[in-house]
C-alpha cells in the first residue's frame, strides 16, 4: 500500500502514470486550495474532514484510468456522456487508448469541484 503520491505513482502501471500526473496537475491548477491526502493507499483530494462529504480521486489500473467521486449523479452522467466510459457507482473509467475522453473527464472533475465550492 502506497504511503505517498510519489509511491502510488511509482507503483502504478506505466500506461497510467502520465494520466495520473495530468489529472493531479489539473486539480492542483483548478482547485489550488485542495491538498492531497492518502486514503487507503491512494492519493485523494478530500473536500472536508470526511470523504463522505466529497472528494475526487484518480486511480490507474492495468488497462484503465478512473476518476472517483461520491457525487453519484455526476458519475452516472459522465459515464453516459463519455464515449467508451464505464465504471461502478462512484467511478468513471476509460481505457488508456481513449485519449479523447480526457476533456470530458476533466469536465466531470470540474463539475465535482464546482459543486463543492473548490473550482478556482
PDB file of N, CA and C in Angstrom:
ATOM      1  N   UNK A   1       0.845  -1.178   0.000  1.00  0.00           N
ATOM      2  CA  UNK A   1       0.000   0.000   0.000  1.00  0.00           C
ATOM      3  C   UNK A   1       0.891   1.242   0.000  1.00  0.00           C
ATOM      4  N   UNK A   2       0.602   2.144  -0.907  1.00  0.00           N
ATOM      5  CA  UNK A   2       1.404   3.360  -1.036  1.00  0.00           C
ATOM      6  C   UNK A   2       1.178   4.284   0.157  1.00  0.00           C
ATOM      7  N   UNK A   3       2.235   4.967   0.540  1.00  0.00           N
ATOM      8  CA  UNK A   3       2.150   5.907   1.652  1.00  0.00           C
ATOM      9  C   UNK A   3       2.258   7.355   1.196  1.00  0.00           C
ATOM     10  N   UNK A   4       2.484   7.590  -0.095  1.00  0.00           N
ATOM     11  CA  UNK A   4       2.595   8.949  -0.619  1.00  0.00           C
ATOM     12  C   UNK A   4       2.175   8.937  -2.092  1.00  0.00           C
ATOM     13  N   UNK A   5       1.832  10.110  -2.629  1.00  0.00           N
ATOM     14  CA  UNK A   5       1.508  10.165  -4.058  1.00  0.00           C
ATOM     15  C   UNK A   5       2.660   9.670  -4.929  1.00  0.00           C
ATOM     16  N   UNK A   6       3.879   9.996  -4.543  1.00  0.00           N
ATOM     17  CA  UNK A   6       5.044   9.556  -5.303  1.00  0.00           C
ATOM     18  C   UNK A   6       5.150   8.032  -5.326  1.00  0.00           C
ATOM     19  N   UNK A   7       4.895   7.427  -4.193  1.00  0.00           N
ATOM     20  CA  UNK A   7       4.940   5.966  -4.118  1.00  0.00           C
ATOM     21  C   UNK A   7       3.799   5.347  -4.930  1.00  0.00           C
ATOM     22  N   UNK A   8       2.614   5.959  -4.872  1.00  0.00           N
ATOM     23  CA  UNK A   8       1.483   5.456  -5.674  1.00  0.00           C
ATOM     24  C   UNK A   8       1.840   5.529  -7.155  1.00  0.00           C
ATOM     25  N   UNK A   9       2.417   6.651  -7.569  1.00  0.00           N
ATOM     26  CA  UNK A   9       2.801   6.828  -8.969  1.00  0.00           C
ATOM     27  C   UNK A   9       3.829   5.788  -9.388  1.00  0.00           C
ATOM     28  N   UNK A  10       4.784   5.531  -8.528  1.00  0.00           N
ATOM     29  CA  UNK A  10       5.831   4.541  -8.815  1.00  0.00           C
ATOM     30  C   UNK A  10       5.246   3.141  -8.969  1.00  0.00           C
ATOM     31  N   UNK A  11       4.224   2.824  -8.185  1.00  0.00           N
ATOM     32  CA  UNK A  11       3.609   1.505  -8.215  1.00  0.00           C
ATOM     33  C   UNK A  11       2.559   1.355  -9.319  1.00  0.00           C
ATOM     34  N   UNK A  12       2.126   2.473  -9.895  1.00  0.00           N
ATOM     35  CA  UNK A  12       1.079   2.446 -10.924  1.00  0.00           C
ATOM     36  C   UNK A  12       1.614   1.823 -12.210  1.00  0.00           C
ATOM     37  N   UNK A  13       0.726   1.238 -12.999  1.00  0.00           N
ATOM     38  CA  UNK A  13       1.154   0.730 -14.305  1.00  0.00           C
ATOM     39  C   UNK A  13       1.712   1.882 -15.141  1.00  0.00           C
ATOM     40  N   UNK A  14       2.719   1.575 -15.917  1.00  0.00           N
ATOM     41  CA  UNK A  14       3.372   2.628 -16.701  1.00  0.00           C
ATOM     42  C   UNK A  14       2.375   3.398 -17.558  1.00  0.00           C
ATOM     43  N   UNK A  15       1.412   2.717 -18.146  1.00  0.00           N
ATOM     44  CA  UNK A  15       0.427   3.378 -19.007  1.00  0.00           C
ATOM     45  C   UNK A  15      -0.404   4.407 -18.245  1.00  0.00           C
ATOM     46  N   UNK A  16      -0.541   4.240 -16.942  1.00  0.00           N
ATOM     47  CA  UNK A  16      -1.374   5.150 -16.159  1.00  0.00           C
ATOM     48  C   UNK A  16      -0.647   6.319 -15.537  1.00  0.00           C
ATOM     49  N   UNK A  17       0.668   6.281 -15.514  1.00  0.00           N
ATOM     50  CA  UNK A  17       1.424   7.324 -14.815  1.00  0.00           C
ATOM     51  C   UNK A  17       1.203   8.712 -15.401  1.00  0.00           C
ATOM     52  N   UNK A  18       1.239   8.830 -16.716  1.00  0.00           N
ATOM     53  CA  UNK A  18       1.034  10.143 -17.337  1.00  0.00           C
ATOM     54  C   UNK A  18      -0.387  10.648 -17.075  1.00  0.00           C
ATOM     55  N   UNK A  19      -1.353   9.748 -17.083  1.00  0.00           N
ATOM     56  CA  UNK A  19      -2.739  10.137 -16.785  1.00  0.00           C
ATOM     57  C   UNK A  19      -2.832  10.675 -15.354  1.00  0.00           C
ATOM     58  N   UNK A  20      -2.251   9.954 -14.409  1.00  0.00           N
ATOM     59  CA  UNK A  20      -2.277  10.411 -13.019  1.00  0.00           C
ATOM     60  C   UNK A  20      -1.646  11.792 -12.888  1.00  0.00           C
ATOM     61  N   UNK A  21      -0.465  11.953 -13.464  1.00  0.00           N
ATOM     62  CA  UNK A  21       0.224  13.236 -13.361  1.00  0.00           C
ATOM     63  C   UNK A  21      -0.597  14.354 -13.987  1.00  0.00           C
ATOM     64  N   UNK A  22      -1.204  14.085 -15.129  1.00  0.00           N
ATOM     65  CA  UNK A  22      -2.009  15.094 -15.810  1.00  0.00           C
ATOM     66  C   UNK A  22      -3.218  15.500 -14.974  1.00  0.00           C
ATOM     67  N   UNK A  23      -3.916  14.537 -14.401  1.00  0.00           N
ATOM     68  CA  UNK A  23      -5.119  14.859 -13.650  1.00  0.00           C
ATOM     69  C   UNK A  23      -4.798  15.444 -12.276  1.00  0.00           C
ATOM     70  N   UNK A  24      -3.728  15.016 -11.653  1.00  0.00           N
ATOM     71  CA  UNK A  24      -3.300  15.664 -10.404  1.00  0.00           C
ATOM     72  C   UNK A  24      -2.945  17.122 -10.674  1.00  0.00           C
ATOM     73  N   UNK A  25      -2.203  17.373 -11.749  1.00  0.00           N
ATOM     74  CA  UNK A  25      -1.828  18.746 -12.107  1.00  0.00           C
ATOM     75  C   UNK A  25      -3.081  19.571 -12.425  1.00  0.00           C
ATOM     76  N   UNK A  26      -4.054  18.951 -13.058  1.00  0.00           N
ATOM     77  CA  UNK A  26      -5.297  19.638 -13.392  1.00  0.00           C
ATOM     78  C   UNK A  26      -6.007  20.104 -12.122  1.00  0.00           C
ATOM     79  N   UNK A  27      -6.136  19.221 -11.139  1.00  0.00           N
ATOM     80  CA  UNK A  27      -6.793  19.595  -9.885  1.00  0.00           C
ATOM     81  C   UNK A  27      -5.952  20.649  -9.160  1.00  0.00           C
ATOM     82  N   UNK A  28      -4.651  20.471  -9.133  1.00  0.00           N
ATOM     83  CA  UNK A  28      -3.783  21.448  -8.467  1.00  0.00           C
ATOM     84  C   UNK A  28      -3.962  22.841  -9.072  1.00  0.00           C
ATOM     85  N   UNK A  29      -4.123  22.903 -10.389  1.00  0.00           N
ATOM     86  CA  UNK A  29      -4.280  24.187 -11.074  1.00  0.00           C
ATOM     87  C   UNK A  29      -5.678  24.773 -10.872  1.00  0.00           C
ATOM     88  N   UNK A  30      -6.699  23.935 -10.932  1.00  0.00           N
ATOM     89  CA  UNK A  30      -8.075  24.430 -10.894  1.00  0.00           C
ATOM     90  C   UNK A  30      -8.690  24.480  -9.498  1.00  0.00           C
ATOM     91  N   UNK A  31      -8.051  23.873  -8.539  1.00  0.00           N
ATOM     92  CA  UNK A  31      -8.534  23.895  -7.151  1.00  0.00           C
ATOM     93  C   UNK A  31      -7.327  24.005  -6.218  1.00  0.00           C
ATOM     94  N   UNK A  32      -6.606  25.131  -6.297  1.00  0.00           N
ATOM     95  CA  UNK A  32      -5.345  25.243  -5.553  1.00  0.00           C
ATOM     96  C   UNK A  32      -5.488  25.181  -4.028  1.00  0.00           C
ATOM     97  N   UNK A  33      -6.688  25.361  -3.510  1.00  0.00           N
ATOM     98  CA  UNK A  33      -6.885  25.268  -2.053  1.00  0.00           C
ATOM     99  C   UNK A  33      -6.880  23.828  -1.553  1.00  0.00           C
ATOM    100  N   UNK A  34      -7.072  22.886  -2.447  1.00  0.00           N
ATOM    101  CA  UNK A  34      -7.115  21.474  -2.044  1.00  0.00           C
ATOM    102  C   UNK A  34      -5.711  20.900  -1.898  1.00  0.00           C
ATOM    103  N   UNK A  35      -5.570  20.033  -0.938  1.00  0.00           N
ATOM    104  CA  UNK A  35      -4.312  19.320  -0.743  1.00  0.00           C
ATOM    105  C   UNK A  35      -4.570  17.826  -0.877  1.00  0.00           C
ATOM    106  N   UNK A  36      -3.575  17.129  -1.330  1.00  0.00           N
ATOM    107  CA  UNK A  36      -3.670  15.679  -1.461  1.00  0.00           C
ATOM    108  C   UNK A  36      -3.499  15.034  -0.089  1.00  0.00           C
ATOM    109  N   UNK A  37      -4.326  14.049   0.176  1.00  0.00           N
ATOM    110  CA  UNK A  37      -4.184  13.220   1.362  1.00  0.00           C
ATOM    111  C   UNK A  37      -4.240  11.770   0.900  1.00  0.00           C
ATOM    112  N   UNK A  38      -3.645  10.888   1.645  1.00  0.00           N
ATOM    113  CA  UNK A  38      -3.678   9.478   1.265  1.00  0.00           C
ATOM    114  C   UNK A  38      -4.904   8.816   1.895  1.00  0.00           C
ATOM    115  N   UNK A  39      -5.608   8.033   1.096  1.00  0.00           N
ATOM    116  CA  UNK A  39      -6.793   7.316   1.544  1.00  0.00           C
ATOM    117  C   UNK A  39      -6.678   5.876   1.070  1.00  0.00           C
ATOM    118  N   UNK A  40      -6.466   4.974   2.005  1.00  0.00           N
ATOM    119  CA  UNK A  40      -6.331   3.549   1.674  1.00  0.00           C
ATOM    120  C   UNK A  40      -5.291   3.320   0.575  1.00  0.00           C
ATOM    121  N   UNK A  41      -4.176   4.048   0.675  1.00  0.00           N
ATOM    122  CA  UNK A  41      -3.072   3.868  -0.248  1.00  0.00           C
ATOM    123  C   UNK A  41      -3.193   4.597  -1.562  1.00  0.00           C
ATOM    124  N   UNK A  42      -4.220   5.466  -1.691  1.00  0.00           N
ATOM    125  CA  UNK A  42      -4.458   6.197  -2.934  1.00  0.00           C
ATOM    126  C   UNK A  42      -4.515   7.694  -2.635  1.00  0.00           C
ATOM    127  N   UNK A  43      -3.843   8.519  -3.432  1.00  0.00           N
ATOM    128  CA  UNK A  43      -3.950   9.971  -3.247  1.00  0.00           C
ATOM    129  C   UNK A  43      -5.374  10.445  -3.509  1.00  0.00           C
ATOM    130  N   UNK A  44      -5.867  11.312  -2.627  1.00  0.00           N
ATOM    131  CA  UNK A  44      -7.238  11.799  -2.706  1.00  0.00           C
ATOM    132  C   UNK A  44      -7.272  13.289  -2.393  1.00  0.00           C
ATOM    133  N   UNK A  45      -8.148  14.006  -3.107  1.00  0.00           N
ATOM    134  CA  UNK A  45      -8.440  15.397  -2.782  1.00  0.00           C
ATOM    135  C   UNK A  45      -9.765  15.382  -2.025  1.00  0.00           C
ATOM    136  N   UNK A  46      -9.679  15.525  -0.710  1.00  0.00           N
ATOM    137  CA  UNK A  46     -10.855  15.451   0.153  1.00  0.00           C
ATOM    138  C   UNK A  46     -11.342  16.873   0.430  1.00  0.00           C
ATOM    139  N   UNK A  47     -12.657  17.099   0.355  1.00  0.00           N
ATOM    140  CA  UNK A  47     -13.217  18.429   0.466  1.00  0.00           C
ATOM    141  C   UNK A  47     -13.533  18.865   1.889  1.00  0.00           C
ATOM    142  N   UNK A  48     -13.563  17.933   2.816  1.00  0.00           N
ATOM    143  CA  UNK A  48     -13.909  18.253   4.208  1.00  0.00           C
ATOM    144  C   UNK A  48     -13.210  17.245   5.111  1.00  0.00           C
ATOM    145  N   UNK A  49     -13.628  17.191   6.365  1.00  0.00           N
ATOM    146  CA  UNK A  49     -12.986  16.299   7.325  1.00  0.00           C
ATOM    147  C   UNK A  49     -13.260  14.828   7.057  1.00  0.00           C
ATOM    148  N   UNK A  50     -14.276  14.531   6.257  1.00  0.00           N
ATOM    149  CA  UNK A  50     -14.614  13.148   5.929  1.00  0.00           C
ATOM    150  C   UNK A  50     -14.797  13.010   4.426  1.00  0.00           C
ATOM    151  N   UNK A  51     -14.331  11.903   3.877  1.00  0.00           N
ATOM    152  CA  UNK A  51     -14.515  11.669   2.443  1.00  0.00           C
ATOM    153  C   UNK A  51     -15.995  11.579   2.080  1.00  0.00           C
ATOM    154  N   UNK A  52     -16.836  11.266   3.056  1.00  0.00           N
ATOM    155  CA  UNK A  52     -18.268  11.172   2.812  1.00  0.00           C
ATOM    156  C   UNK A  52     -18.884  12.529   2.467  1.00  0.00           C
ATOM    157  N   UNK A  53     -18.134  13.600   2.734  1.00  0.00           N
ATOM    158  CA  UNK A  53     -18.607  14.949   2.413  1.00  0.00           C
ATOM    159  C   UNK A  53     -18.099  15.413   1.049  1.00  0.00           C
ATOM    160  N   UNK A  54     -17.396  14.548   0.348  1.00  0.00           N
ATOM    161  CA  UNK A  54     -16.957  14.860  -1.002  1.00  0.00           C
ATOM    162  C   UNK A  54     -15.466  14.715  -1.219  1.00  0.00           C
ATOM    163  N   UNK A  55     -15.133  14.270  -2.416  1.00  0.00           N
ATOM    164  CA  UNK A  55     -13.742  14.082  -2.802  1.00  0.00           C
ATOM    165  C   UNK A  55     -13.656  13.868  -4.301  1.00  0.00           C
ATOM    166  N   UNK A  56     -12.441  13.965  -4.798  1.00  0.00           N
ATOM    167  CA  UNK A  56     -12.124  13.495  -6.134  1.00  0.00           C
ATOM    168  C   UNK A  56     -10.805  12.748  -6.015  1.00  0.00           C
ATOM    169  N   UNK A  57     -10.725  11.627  -6.718  1.00  0.00           N
ATOM    170  CA  UNK A  57      -9.565  10.746  -6.600  1.00  0.00           C
ATOM    171  C   UNK A  57      -9.372  10.054  -7.944  1.00  0.00           C
ATOM    172  N   UNK A  58      -8.126   9.730  -8.234  1.00  0.00           N
ATOM    173  CA  UNK A  58      -7.802   9.083  -9.505  1.00  0.00           C
ATOM    174  C   UNK A  58      -7.007   7.819  -9.254  1.00  0.00           C
ATOM    175  N   UNK A  59      -7.343   6.771 -10.013  1.00  0.00           N
ATOM    176  CA  UNK A  59      -6.614   5.515  -9.894  1.00  0.00           C
ATOM    177  C   UNK A  59      -6.202   5.024 -11.274  1.00  0.00           C
ATOM    178  N   UNK A  60      -5.110   4.291 -11.275  1.00  0.00           N
ATOM    179  CA  UNK A  60      -4.587   3.716 -12.518  1.00  0.00           C
ATOM    180  C   UNK A  60      -4.521   2.208 -12.351  1.00  0.00           C
ATOM    181  N   UNK A  61      -5.318   1.512 -13.126  1.00  0.00           N
ATOM    182  CA  UNK A  61      -5.310   0.050 -13.133  1.00  0.00           C
ATOM    183  C   UNK A  61      -4.518  -0.418 -14.349  1.00  0.00           C
ATOM    184  N   UNK A  62      -4.404  -1.707 -14.500  1.00  0.00           N
ATOM    185  CA  UNK A  62      -3.602  -2.262 -15.592  1.00  0.00           C
ATOM    186  C   UNK A  62      -4.053  -1.751 -16.959  1.00  0.00           C
ATOM    187  N   UNK A  63      -5.360  -1.724 -17.200  1.00  0.00           N
ATOM    188  CA  UNK A  63      -5.839  -1.368 -18.527  1.00  0.00           C
ATOM    189  C   UNK A  63      -6.683  -0.109 -18.610  1.00  0.00           C
ATOM    190  N   UNK A  64      -6.908   0.555 -17.463  1.00  0.00           N
ATOM    191  CA  UNK A  64      -7.767   1.740 -17.500  1.00  0.00           C
ATOM    192  C   UNK A  64      -7.457   2.731 -16.387  1.00  0.00           C
ATOM    193  N   UNK A  65      -7.934   3.952 -16.609  1.00  0.00           N
ATOM    194  CA  UNK A  65      -7.808   5.060 -15.659  1.00  0.00           C
ATOM    195  C   UNK A  65      -9.197   5.362 -15.116  1.00  0.00           C
ATOM    196  N   UNK A  66      -9.277   5.713 -13.841  1.00  0.00           N
ATOM    197  CA  UNK A  66     -10.576   6.036 -13.244  1.00  0.00           C
ATOM    198  C   UNK A  66     -10.515   7.329 -12.458  1.00  0.00           C
ATOM    199  N   UNK A  67     -11.592   8.089 -12.551  1.00  0.00           N
ATOM    200  CA  UNK A  67     -11.822   9.262 -11.708  1.00  0.00           C
ATOM    201  C   UNK A  67     -12.963   8.889 -10.764  1.00  0.00           C
ATOM    202  N   UNK A  68     -12.771   9.143  -9.491  1.00  0.00           N
ATOM    203  CA  UNK A  68     -13.734   8.732  -8.473  1.00  0.00           C
ATOM    204  C   UNK A  68     -14.313   9.950  -7.760  1.00  0.00           C
ATOM    205  N   UNK A  69     -15.592   9.864  -7.404  1.00  0.00           N
ATOM    206  CA  UNK A  69     -16.256  10.889  -6.611  1.00  0.00           C
ATOM    207  C   UNK A  69     -17.466  10.261  -5.934  1.00  0.00           C
ATOM    208  N   UNK A  70     -17.916  10.903  -4.876  1.00  0.00           N
ATOM    209  CA  UNK A  70     -19.092  10.405  -4.168  1.00  0.00           C
ATOM    210  C   UNK A  70     -20.374  11.019  -4.739  1.00  0.00           C
ATOM    211  N   UNK A  71     -20.221  11.900  -5.705  1.00  0.00           N
ATOM    212  CA  UNK A  71     -21.358  12.551  -6.351  1.00  0.00           C
ATOM    213  C   UNK A  71     -21.901  11.614  -7.436  1.00  0.00           C
ATOM    214  N   UNK A  72     -22.704  10.666  -7.008  1.00  0.00           N
ATOM    215  CA  UNK A  72     -23.119   9.575  -7.881  1.00  0.00           C
ATOM    216  C   UNK A  72     -23.909  10.040  -9.101  1.00  0.00           C
ATOM    217  N   UNK A  73     -24.654  11.131  -8.976  1.00  0.00           N
ATOM    218  CA  UNK A  73     -25.392  11.637 -10.134  1.00  0.00           C
ATOM    219  C   UNK A  73     -24.431  12.168 -11.197  1.00  0.00           C
ATOM    220  N   UNK A  74     -23.368  12.850 -10.767  1.00  0.00           N
ATOM    221  CA  UNK A  74     -22.372  13.351 -11.720  1.00  0.00           C
ATOM    222  C   UNK A  74     -21.591  12.194 -12.339  1.00  0.00           C
ATOM    223  N   UNK A  75     -21.308  11.173 -11.545  1.00  0.00           N
ATOM    224  CA  UNK A  75     -20.623   9.980 -12.050  1.00  0.00           C
ATOM    225  C   UNK A  75     -21.473   9.320 -13.133  1.00  0.00           C
ATOM    226  N   UNK A  76     -22.745   9.108 -12.845  1.00  0.00           N
ATOM    227  CA  UNK A  76     -23.629   8.443 -13.810  1.00  0.00           C
ATOM    228  C   UNK A  76     -23.747   9.262 -15.093  1.00  0.00           C
ATOM    229  N   UNK A  77     -23.852  10.578 -14.954  1.00  0.00           N
ATOM    230  CA  UNK A  77     -23.947  11.432 -16.141  1.00  0.00           C
ATOM    231  C   UNK A  77     -22.675  11.341 -16.975  1.00  0.00           C
ATOM    232  N   UNK A  78     -21.513  11.371 -16.322  1.00  0.00           N
ATOM    233  CA  UNK A  78     -20.243  11.282 -17.054  1.00  0.00           C
ATOM    234  C   UNK A  78     -20.102   9.931 -17.736  1.00  0.00           C
ATOM    235  N   UNK A  79     -20.502   8.869 -17.055  1.00  0.00           N
ATOM    236  CA  UNK A  79     -20.420   7.537 -17.670  1.00  0.00           C
ATOM    237  C   UNK A  79     -21.248   7.469 -18.946  1.00  0.00           C
ATOM    238  N   UNK A  80     -22.406   8.109 -18.942  1.00  0.00           N
ATOM    239  CA  UNK A  80     -23.254   8.045 -20.130  1.00  0.00           C
ATOM    240  C   UNK A  80     -22.831   9.053 -21.197  1.00  0.00           C
ATOM    241  N   UNK A  81     -22.196  10.144 -20.792  1.00  0.00           N
ATOM    242  CA  UNK A  81     -21.804  11.193 -21.743  1.00  0.00           C
ATOM    243  C   UNK A  81     -20.459  10.940 -22.425  1.00  0.00           C
ATOM    244  N   UNK A  82     -19.573  10.208 -21.781  1.00  0.00           N
ATOM    245  CA  UNK A  82     -18.228   9.986 -22.319  1.00  0.00           C
ATOM    246  C   UNK A  82     -18.207   8.678 -23.106  1.00  0.00           C
ATOM    247  N   UNK A  83     -17.972   8.749 -24.412  1.00  0.00           N
ATOM    248  CA  UNK A  83     -17.930   7.521 -25.219  1.00  0.00           C
ATOM    249  C   UNK A  83     -16.882   6.537 -24.691  1.00  0.00           C
ATOM    250  N   UNK A  84     -17.312   5.312 -24.502  1.00  0.00           N
ATOM    251  CA  UNK A  84     -16.409   4.270 -24.036  1.00  0.00           C
ATOM    252  C   UNK A  84     -16.205   4.225 -22.539  1.00  0.00           C
ATOM    253  N   UNK A  85     -16.826   5.134 -21.797  1.00  0.00           N
ATOM    254  CA  UNK A  85     -16.656   5.158 -20.339  1.00  0.00           C
ATOM    255  C   UNK A  85     -17.448   4.025 -19.692  1.00  0.00           C
ATOM    256  N   UNK A  86     -16.957   3.598 -18.551  1.00  0.00           N
ATOM    257  CA  UNK A  86     -17.623   2.558 -17.767  1.00  0.00           C
ATOM    258  C   UNK A  86     -17.254   2.798 -16.310  1.00  0.00           C
ATOM    259  N   UNK A  87     -17.718   1.947 -15.437  1.00  0.00           N
ATOM    260  CA  UNK A  87     -17.335   2.077 -14.034  1.00  0.00           C
ATOM    261  C   UNK A  87     -18.459   1.698 -13.110  1.00  0.00           C
ATOM    262  N   UNK A  88     -18.156   1.767 -11.831  1.00  0.00           N
ATOM    263  CA  UNK A  88     -19.124   1.450 -10.802  1.00  0.00           C
ATOM    264  C   UNK A  88     -19.881   2.687 -10.366  1.00  0.00           C
ATOM    265  N   UNK A  89     -20.538   2.599  -9.238  1.00  0.00           N
ATOM    266  CA  UNK A  89     -21.379   3.680  -8.743  1.00  0.00           C
ATOM    267  C   UNK A  89     -20.583   4.967  -8.504  1.00  0.00           C
ATOM    268  N   UNK A  90     -19.327   4.858  -8.099  1.00  0.00           N
ATOM    269  CA  UNK A  90     -18.548   6.042  -7.749  1.00  0.00           C
ATOM    270  C   UNK A  90     -17.349   6.302  -8.632  1.00  0.00           C
ATOM    271  N   UNK A  91     -17.311   5.706  -9.829  1.00  0.00           N
ATOM    272  CA  UNK A  91     -16.134   5.928 -10.680  1.00  0.00           C
ATOM    273  C   UNK A  91     -16.487   5.991 -12.156  1.00  0.00           C
ATOM    274  N   UNK A  92     -15.719   6.831 -12.840  1.00  0.00           N
ATOM    275  CA  UNK A  92     -15.809   6.930 -14.289  1.00  0.00           C
ATOM    276  C   UNK A  92     -14.479   6.417 -14.813  1.00  0.00           C
ATOM    277  N   UNK A  93     -14.513   5.336 -15.557  1.00  0.00           N
ATOM    278  CA  UNK A  93     -13.298   4.693 -16.041  1.00  0.00           C
ATOM    279  C   UNK A  93     -13.230   4.731 -17.557  1.00  0.00           C
ATOM    280  N   UNK A  94     -11.998   4.868 -18.069  1.00  0.00           N
ATOM    281  CA  UNK A  94     -11.763   4.834 -19.510  1.00  0.00           C
ATOM    282  C   UNK A  94     -10.473   4.068 -19.779  1.00  0.00           C
ATOM    283  N   UNK A  95     -10.428   3.400 -20.902  1.00  0.00           N
ATOM    284  CA  UNK A  95      -9.203   2.710 -21.318  1.00  0.00           C
ATOM    285  C   UNK A  95      -8.156   3.756 -21.685  1.00  0.00           C
ATOM    286  N   UNK A  96      -6.892   3.429 -21.497  1.00  0.00           N
ATOM    287  CA  UNK A  96      -5.811   4.385 -21.765  1.00  0.00           C
ATOM    288  C   UNK A  96      -5.785   4.850 -23.212  1.00  0.00           C
ATOM    289  N   UNK A  97      -6.185   4.015 -24.131  1.00  0.00           N
ATOM    290  CA  UNK A  97      -6.182   4.392 -25.546  1.00  0.00           C
ATOM    291  C   UNK A  97      -7.247   5.448 -25.867  1.00  0.00           C
ATOM    292  N   UNK A  98      -8.182   5.654 -24.976  1.00  0.00           N
ATOM    293  CA  UNK A  98      -9.288   6.586 -25.190  1.00  0.00           C
ATOM    294  C   UNK A  98      -8.875   8.013 -24.802  1.00  0.00           C
ATOM    295  N   UNK A  99      -7.916   8.557 -25.518  1.00  0.00           N
ATOM    296  CA  UNK A  99      -7.399   9.900 -25.239  1.00  0.00           C
ATOM    297  C   UNK A  99      -8.470  10.978 -25.395  1.00  0.00           C
ATOM    298  N   UNK A 100      -9.436  10.769 -26.282  1.00  0.00           N
ATOM    299  CA  UNK A 100     -10.491  11.774 -26.484  1.00  0.00           C
ATOM    300  C   UNK A 100     -11.404  11.899 -25.261  1.00  0.00           C
ATOM    301  N   UNK A 101     -11.286  10.972 -24.323  1.00  0.00           N
ATOM    302  CA  UNK A 101     -12.086  11.030 -23.103  1.00  0.00           C
ATOM    303  C   UNK A 101     -11.527  12.034 -22.094  1.00  0.00           C
ATOM    304  N   UNK A 102     -10.294  12.471 -22.283  1.00  0.00           N
ATOM    305  CA  UNK A 102      -9.684  13.363 -21.291  1.00  0.00           C
ATOM    306  C   UNK A 102     -10.448  14.675 -21.097  1.00  0.00           C
ATOM    307  N   UNK A 103     -10.787  15.424 -22.158  1.00  0.00           N
ATOM    308  CA  UNK A 103     -11.520  16.676 -21.926  1.00  0.00           C
ATOM    309  C   UNK A 103     -12.860  16.488 -21.201  1.00  0.00           C
ATOM    310  N   UNK A 104     -13.716  15.537 -21.619  1.00  0.00           N
ATOM    311  CA  UNK A 104     -14.962  15.381 -20.860  1.00  0.00           C
ATOM    312  C   UNK A 104     -14.739  14.826 -19.452  1.00  0.00           C
ATOM    313  N   UNK A 105     -13.680  14.071 -19.252  1.00  0.00           N
ATOM    314  CA  UNK A 105     -13.360  13.600 -17.902  1.00  0.00           C
ATOM    315  C   UNK A 105     -12.954  14.783 -17.021  1.00  0.00           C
ATOM    316  N   UNK A 106     -12.246  15.740 -17.601  1.00  0.00           N
ATOM    317  CA  UNK A 106     -11.898  16.960 -16.858  1.00  0.00           C
ATOM    318  C   UNK A 106     -13.146  17.793 -16.579  1.00  0.00           C
ATOM    319  N   UNK A 107     -14.114  17.781 -17.487  1.00  0.00           N
ATOM    320  CA  UNK A 107     -15.381  18.467 -17.228  1.00  0.00           C
ATOM    321  C   UNK A 107     -16.110  17.826 -16.050  1.00  0.00           C
ATOM    322  N   UNK A 108     -16.023  16.518 -15.952  1.00  0.00           N
ATOM    323  CA  UNK A 108     -16.590  15.812 -14.799  1.00  0.00           C
ATOM    324  C   UNK A 108     -15.907  16.282 -13.514  1.00  0.00           C
ATOM    325  N   UNK A 109     -14.588  16.347 -13.535  1.00  0.00           N
ATOM    326  CA  UNK A 109     -13.833  16.818 -12.360  1.00  0.00           C
ATOM    327  C   UNK A 109     -14.264  18.245 -12.016  1.00  0.00           C
ATOM    328  N   UNK A 110     -14.383  19.093 -13.027  1.00  0.00           N
ATOM    329  CA  UNK A 110     -14.834  20.471 -12.797  1.00  0.00           C
ATOM    330  C   UNK A 110     -16.203  20.504 -12.126  1.00  0.00           C
ATOM    331  N   UNK A 111     -17.119  19.673 -12.590  1.00  0.00           N
ATOM    332  CA  UNK A 111     -18.473  19.640 -12.022  1.00  0.00           C
ATOM    333  C   UNK A 111     -18.435  19.248 -10.545  1.00  0.00           C
ATOM    334  N   UNK A 112     -17.596  18.281 -10.215  1.00  0.00           N
ATOM    335  CA  UNK A 112     -17.467  17.860  -8.812  1.00  0.00           C
ATOM    336  C   UNK A 112     -16.854  18.986  -7.990  1.00  0.00           C
ATOM    337  N   UNK A 113     -15.782  19.582  -8.486  1.00  0.00           N
ATOM    338  CA  UNK A 113     -15.128  20.668  -7.763  1.00  0.00           C
ATOM    339  C   UNK A 113     -16.070  21.851  -7.575  1.00  0.00           C
ATOM    340  N   UNK A 114     -16.811  22.186  -8.627  1.00  0.00           N
ATOM    341  CA  UNK A 114     -17.745  23.313  -8.548  1.00  0.00           C
ATOM    342  C   UNK A 114     -18.853  23.049  -7.533  1.00  0.00           C
ATOM    343  N   UNK A 115     -19.386  21.856  -7.559  1.00  0.00           N
ATOM    344  CA  UNK A 115     -20.463  21.515  -6.609  1.00  0.00           C
ATOM    345  C   UNK A 115     -20.023  21.728  -5.163  1.00  0.00           C
ATOM    346  N   UNK A 116     -18.760  21.475  -4.893  1.00  0.00           N
ATOM    347  CA  UNK A 116     -18.251  21.564  -3.522  1.00  0.00           C
ATOM    348  C   UNK A 116     -17.544  22.884  -3.235  1.00  0.00           C
ATOM    349  N   UNK A 117     -17.611  23.820  -4.173  1.00  0.00           N
ATOM    350  CA  UNK A 117     -17.065  25.150  -3.930  1.00  0.00           C
ATOM    351  C   UNK A 117     -15.559  25.256  -4.053  1.00  0.00           C
ATOM    352  N   UNK A 118     -14.939  24.383  -4.819  1.00  0.00           N
ATOM    353  CA  UNK A 118     -13.477  24.399  -4.930  1.00  0.00           C
ATOM    354  C   UNK A 118     -12.945  24.746  -6.314  1.00  0.00           C
ATOM    355  N   UNK A 119     -13.797  24.973  -7.279  1.00  0.00           N
ATOM    356  CA  UNK A 119     -13.317  25.306  -8.618  1.00  0.00           C
ATOM    357  C   UNK A 119     -12.824  26.750  -8.610  1.00  0.00           C
ATOM    358  N   UNK A 120     -11.559  26.935  -8.969  1.00  0.00           N
ATOM    359  CA  UNK A 120     -10.956  28.289  -8.935  1.00  0.00           C
ATOM    360  C   UNK A 120     -11.483  29.153 -10.048  1.00  0.00           C
TER     361      UNK A 120
END
